Amino acid sequence: MKSSNNNDYYYILLVDDEKDILDLFSEYLSSNGFNTISFQNPIDALEYFYQNITNCYLVIADYKMPQMSGIDFINKIREKDTDCKIKTIVISAYIKDNIPYDKSYVMTVDKILEKPVYLDRLKKVVQELISTINIQQKNMIIKKNKNIINVA
């Protein structure tokens, strides 16, 4: 686990089995004022999430990981987040081959990004999804994370 915050702050949960991509996304998002928690193993990420569910506002998961797919991971998130308040992104190099046939994502995934993901595109999508969070949640995130100013 790599963390750019402490447990008192709202965070983005990043999960990707490729350490280089995980580090790149984490460092980029952190440098843009977002608090991140990152994991290479989705099982470890779920354990952390279950203990810190109220502080998570966005999940970014790779589609293809050895332990479970990003869709399965997000479905596990949705078992706890039944009202879908936590926004979700799946990142994949396999969109054309796999995701269209995996209909389980339709109700659980907010956005799908195809690799390679350019950092400015990632930031834009994160900001777009955060802008859809209800105003009460936004105010709590802004108070907890004074660095996040592009929420609207």
C-alpha atoms as a PDB file:
ATOM      1  CA  MET A   1       0.000   0.000   0.000  1.00  0.00           C
ATOM      2  CA  LYS A   2       1.208   3.450  -0.867  1.00  0.00           C
ATOM      3  CA  SER A   3      -0.556   6.397   0.713  1.00  0.00           C
ATOM      4  CA  SER A   4      -0.467  10.096   0.011  1.00  0.00           C
ATOM      5  CA  ASN A   5      -2.672  10.978   2.949  1.00  0.00           C
ATOM      6  CA  ASN A   6      -3.718   9.965   6.404  1.00  0.00           C
ATOM      7  CA  ASN A   7      -6.920   8.159   7.357  1.00  0.00           C
ATOM      8  CA  ASP A   8      -8.724  11.379   8.350  1.00  0.00           C
ATOM      9  CA  TYR A   9      -8.947  12.518   4.721  1.00  0.00           C
ATOM     10  CA  TYR A  10     -11.132  11.502   1.835  1.00  0.00           C
ATOM     11  CA  TYR A  11      -9.238   9.471  -0.698  1.00  0.00           C
ATOM     12  CA  ILE A  12      -9.112   7.944  -4.151  1.00  0.00           C
ATOM     13  CA  LEU A  13      -8.501   4.195  -4.039  1.00  0.00           C
ATOM     14  CA  LEU A  14      -6.139   3.088  -6.846  1.00  0.00           C
ATOM     15  CA  VAL A  15      -5.757  -0.610  -7.704  1.00  0.00           C
ATOM     16  CA  ASP A  16      -3.477  -1.916 -10.448  1.00  0.00           C
ATOM     17  CA  ASP A  17      -1.138  -4.909 -10.485  1.00  0.00           C
ATOM     18  CA  GLU A  18       1.379  -2.934 -12.572  1.00  0.00           C
ATOM     19  CA  LYS A  19       3.492  -1.023 -10.059  1.00  0.00           C
ATOM     20  CA  ASP A  20       4.790   1.538 -12.586  1.00  0.00           C
ATOM     21  CA  ILE A  21       1.278   2.571 -13.624  1.00  0.00           C
ATOM     22  CA  LEU A  22       0.092   2.599 -10.027  1.00  0.00           C
ATOM     23  CA  ASP A  23       2.987   4.840  -8.969  1.00  0.00           C
ATOM     24  CA  LEU A  24       2.519   7.157 -11.959  1.00  0.00           C
ATOM     25  CA  PHE A  25      -1.223   7.646 -11.336  1.00  0.00           C
ATOM     26  CA  SER A  26      -0.734   8.036  -7.591  1.00  0.00           C
ATOM     27  CA  GLU A  27       2.036  10.610  -7.932  1.00  0.00           C
ATOM     28  CA  TYR A  28       0.193  12.555 -10.630  1.00  0.00           C
ATOM     29  CA  LEU A  29      -3.113  12.684  -8.764  1.00  0.00           C
ATOM     30  CA  SER A  30      -1.343  13.556  -5.507  1.00  0.00           C
ATOM     31  CA  SER A  31       0.559  16.377  -7.209  1.00  0.00           C
ATOM     32  CA  ASN A  32      -2.820  17.723  -8.349  1.00  0.00           C
ATOM     33  CA  GLY A  33      -4.220  17.849  -4.818  1.00  0.00           C
ATOM     34  CA  PHE A  34      -5.969  14.483  -4.611  1.00  0.00           C
ATOM     35  CA  ASN A  35      -5.346  12.132  -1.711  1.00  0.00           C
ATOM     36  CA  THR A  36      -4.664   8.606  -2.921  1.00  0.00           C
ATOM     37  CA  ILE A  37      -4.270   5.157  -1.436  1.00  0.00           C
ATOM     38  CA  SER A  38      -2.805   2.615  -3.853  1.00  0.00           C
ATOM     39  CA  PHE A  39      -2.582  -1.166  -3.909  1.00  0.00           C
ATOM     40  CA  GLN A  40      -1.152  -3.732  -6.309  1.00  0.00           C
ATOM     41  CA  ASN A  41      -3.338  -6.458  -4.827  1.00  0.00           C
ATOM     42  CA  PRO A  42      -7.132  -5.991  -4.980  1.00  0.00           C
ATOM     43  CA  ILE A  43      -7.654  -8.269  -1.955  1.00  0.00           C
ATOM     44  CA  ASP A  44      -5.511  -5.951   0.184  1.00  0.00           C
ATOM     45  CA  ALA A  45      -7.318  -2.952  -1.293  1.00  0.00           C
ATOM     46  CA  LEU A  46     -10.699  -4.405  -0.308  1.00  0.00           C
ATOM     47  CA  GLU A  47      -9.498  -5.036   3.252  1.00  0.00           C
ATOM     48  CA  TYR A  48      -8.392  -1.400   3.499  1.00  0.00           C
ATOM     49  CA  PHE A  49     -11.611  -0.172   1.884  1.00  0.00           C
ATOM     50  CA  TYR A  50     -13.815  -2.139   4.292  1.00  0.00           C
ATOM     51  CA  GLN A  51     -12.075  -0.419   7.205  1.00  0.00           C
ATOM     52  CA  ASN A  52     -12.193   3.042   5.608  1.00  0.00           C
ATOM     53  CA  ILE A  53     -15.376   2.990   3.542  1.00  0.00           C
ATOM     54  CA  THR A  54     -16.686   6.375   4.667  1.00  0.00           C
ATOM     55  CA  ASN A  55     -13.566   8.196   3.458  1.00  0.00           C
ATOM     56  CA  CYS A  56     -13.492   6.809  -0.098  1.00  0.00           C
ATOM     57  CA  TYR A  57     -15.076   8.907  -2.835  1.00  0.00           C
ATOM     58  CA  LEU A  58     -13.519   7.396  -5.983  1.00  0.00           C
ATOM     59  CA  VAL A  59     -12.137   4.000  -7.026  1.00  0.00           C
ATOM     60  CA  ILE A  60      -9.835   3.527 -10.019  1.00  0.00           C
ATOM     61  CA  ALA A  61      -9.165  -0.124 -10.859  1.00  0.00           C
ATOM     62  CA  ASP A  62      -7.356  -1.938 -13.636  1.00  0.00           C
ATOM     63  CA  TYR A  63      -9.614  -4.327 -15.544  1.00  0.00           C
ATOM     64  CA  LYS A  64      -7.233  -7.283 -15.720  1.00  0.00           C
ATOM     65  CA  MET A  65      -5.467  -8.275 -12.502  1.00  0.00           C
ATOM     66  CA  PRO A  66      -4.319 -11.749 -11.383  1.00  0.00           C
ATOM     67  CA  GLN A  67      -6.379 -11.940  -8.181  1.00  0.00           C
ATOM     68  CA  MET A  68      -9.689 -10.596  -9.592  1.00  0.00           C
ATOM     69  CA  SER A  69     -10.893  -8.407 -12.421  1.00  0.00           C
ATOM     70  CA  GLY A  70     -11.522  -4.717 -11.951  1.00  0.00           C
ATOM     71  CA  ILE A  71     -15.230  -5.380 -12.555  1.00  0.00           C
ATOM     72  CA  ASP A  72     -15.303  -8.011  -9.796  1.00  0.00           C
ATOM     73  CA  PHE A  73     -13.410  -5.603  -7.538  1.00  0.00           C
ATOM     74  CA  ILE A  74     -15.933  -2.827  -8.139  1.00  0.00           C
ATOM     75  CA  ASN A  75     -18.802  -5.263  -7.615  1.00  0.00           C
ATOM     76  CA  LYS A  76     -17.307  -5.998  -4.167  1.00  0.00           C
ATOM     77  CA  ILE A  77     -17.171  -2.239  -3.515  1.00  0.00           C
ATOM     78  CA  ARG A  78     -20.845  -1.980  -4.530  1.00  0.00           C
ATOM     79  CA  GLU A  79     -21.811  -4.681  -2.017  1.00  0.00           C
ATOM     80  CA  LYS A  80     -20.978  -2.089   0.672  1.00  0.00           C
ATOM     81  CA  ASP A  81     -21.738   1.041  -1.366  1.00  0.00           C
ATOM     82  CA  THR A  82     -25.255   0.008  -2.371  1.00  0.00           C
ATOM     83  CA  ASP A  83     -26.392   3.556  -3.175  1.00  0.00           C
ATOM     84  CA  CYS A  84     -23.410   4.045  -5.554  1.00  0.00           C
ATOM     85  CA  LYS A  85     -22.101   7.194  -3.873  1.00  0.00           C
ATOM     86  CA  ILE A  86     -18.516   6.153  -4.554  1.00  0.00           C
ATOM     87  CA  LYS A  87     -17.564   6.912  -8.145  1.00  0.00           C
ATOM     88  CA  THR A  88     -15.722   4.244 -10.139  1.00  0.00           C
ATOM     89  CA  ILE A  89     -13.340   4.065 -13.087  1.00  0.00           C
ATOM     90  CA  VAL A  90     -12.065   0.916 -14.803  1.00  0.00           C
ATOM     91  CA  ILE A  91      -8.895   1.186 -16.860  1.00  0.00           C
ATOM     92  CA  SER A  92      -8.133  -1.442 -19.473  1.00  0.00           C
ATOM     93  CA  ALA A  93      -6.078  -2.265 -22.521  1.00  0.00           C
ATOM     94  CA  TYR A  94      -8.689  -4.916 -23.287  1.00  0.00           C
ATOM     95  CA  ILE A  95     -11.824  -2.842 -23.809  1.00  0.00           C
ATOM     96  CA  LYS A  96     -12.550  -4.025 -27.333  1.00  0.00           C
ATOM     97  CA  ASP A  97     -11.962  -7.686 -26.487  1.00  0.00           C
ATOM     98  CA  ASN A  98     -13.501  -8.138 -23.053  1.00  0.00           C
ATOM     99  CA  ILE A  99     -15.506  -5.357 -21.490  1.00  0.00           C
ATOM    100  CA  PRO A 100     -18.350  -5.120 -24.039  1.00  0.00           C
ATOM    101  CA  TYR A 101     -19.136  -8.781 -23.340  1.00  0.00           C
ATOM    102  CA  ASP A 102     -18.973  -8.322 -19.575  1.00  0.00           C
ATOM    103  CA  LYS A 103     -22.422  -6.823 -18.970  1.00  0.00           C
ATOM    104  CA  SER A 104     -21.970  -6.856 -15.174  1.00  0.00           C
ATOM    105  CA  TYR A 105     -20.273  -3.462 -15.347  1.00  0.00           C
ATOM    106  CA  VAL A 106     -23.288  -1.541 -16.673  1.00  0.00           C
ATOM    107  CA  MET A 107     -24.766  -0.712 -13.259  1.00  0.00           C
ATOM    108  CA  THR A 108     -21.532  -0.478 -11.282  1.00  0.00           C
ATOM    109  CA  VAL A 109     -18.902   1.393 -13.312  1.00  0.00           C
ATOM    110  CA  ASP A 110     -19.145   5.135 -13.876  1.00  0.00           C
ATOM    111  CA  LYS A 111     -16.384   5.435 -16.475  1.00  0.00           C
ATOM    112  CA  ILE A 112     -14.147   3.149 -18.545  1.00  0.00           C
ATOM    113  CA  LEU A 113     -10.794   4.420 -19.825  1.00  0.00           C
ATOM    114  CA  GLU A 114      -8.685   2.634 -22.399  1.00  0.00           C
ATOM    115  CA  LYS A 115      -4.924   2.298 -21.980  1.00  0.00           C
ATOM    116  CA  PRO A 116      -2.764   4.108 -22.553  1.00  0.00           C
ATOM    117  CA  VAL A 117      -4.371   6.654 -20.273  1.00  0.00           C
ATOM    118  CA  TYR A 118      -2.925  10.129 -20.677  1.00  0.00           C
ATOM    119  CA  LEU A 119      -2.535  11.895 -17.356  1.00  0.00           C
ATOM    120  CA  ASP A 120      -4.435  15.018 -18.355  1.00  0.00           C
ATOM    121  CA  ARG A 121      -7.345  12.785 -19.451  1.00  0.00           C
ATOM    122  CA  LEU A 122      -7.247  10.943 -16.104  1.00  0.00           C
ATOM    123  CA  LYS A 123      -7.355  14.230 -14.203  1.00  0.00           C
ATOM    124  CA  LYS A 124     -10.250  15.497 -16.328  1.00  0.00           C
ATOM    125  CA  VAL A 125     -12.304  12.323 -15.772  1.00  0.00           C
ATOM    126  CA  VAL A 126     -11.590  12.383 -12.024  1.00  0.00           C
ATOM    127  CA  GLN A 127     -12.742  16.013 -11.854  1.00  0.00           C
ATOM    128  CA  GLU A 128     -15.868  15.209 -13.910  1.00  0.00           C
ATOM    129  CA  LEU A 129     -16.834  12.348 -11.620  1.00  0.00           C
ATOM    130  CA  ILE A 130     -16.200  14.380  -8.491  1.00  0.00           C
ATOM    131  CA  SER A 131     -18.442  17.093  -9.902  1.00  0.00           C
ATOM    132  CA  THR A 132     -21.328  14.597  -9.891  1.00  0.00           C
ATOM    133  CA  ILE A 133     -21.050  13.921  -6.172  1.00  0.00           C
ATOM    134  CA  ASN A 134     -23.915  15.508  -4.276  1.00  0.00           C
ATOM    135  CA  ILE A 135     -23.250  18.924  -2.751  1.00  0.00           C
ATOM    136  CA  GLN A 136     -23.138  17.678   0.840  1.00  0.00           C
ATOM    137  CA  GLN A 137     -20.438  15.156  -0.041  1.00  0.00           C
ATOM    138  CA  LYS A 138     -18.524  17.824  -2.012  1.00  0.00           C
ATOM    139  CA  ASN A 139     -18.505  20.183   0.953  1.00  0.00           C
ATOM    140  CA  MET A 140     -17.174  17.424   3.206  1.00  0.00           C
ATOM    141  CA  ILE A 141     -14.444  16.554   0.690  1.00  0.00           C
ATOM    142  CA  ILE A 142     -13.439  20.199   0.293  1.00  0.00           C
ATOM    143  CA  LYS A 143     -13.277  20.694   4.067  1.00  0.00           C
ATOM    144  CA  LYS A 144     -11.191  17.543   4.522  1.00  0.00           C
ATOM    145  CA  ASN A 145      -8.999  18.113   1.456  1.00  0.00           C
ATOM    146  CA  LYS A 146      -8.347  21.820   1.195  1.00  0.00           C
ATOM    147  CA  ASN A 147      -6.115  21.153  -1.851  1.00  0.00           C
ATOM    148  CA  ILE A 148      -9.052  20.050  -4.013  1.00  0.00           C
ATOM    149  CA  ILE A 149     -10.343  23.223  -5.568  1.00  0.00           C
ATOM    150  CA  ASN A 150     -11.610  21.970  -8.936  1.00  0.00           C
ATOM    151  CA  VAL A 151     -14.676  20.136  -7.643  1.00  0.00           C
ATOM    152  CA  ALA A 152     -17.377  21.924  -9.628  1.00  0.00           C
END
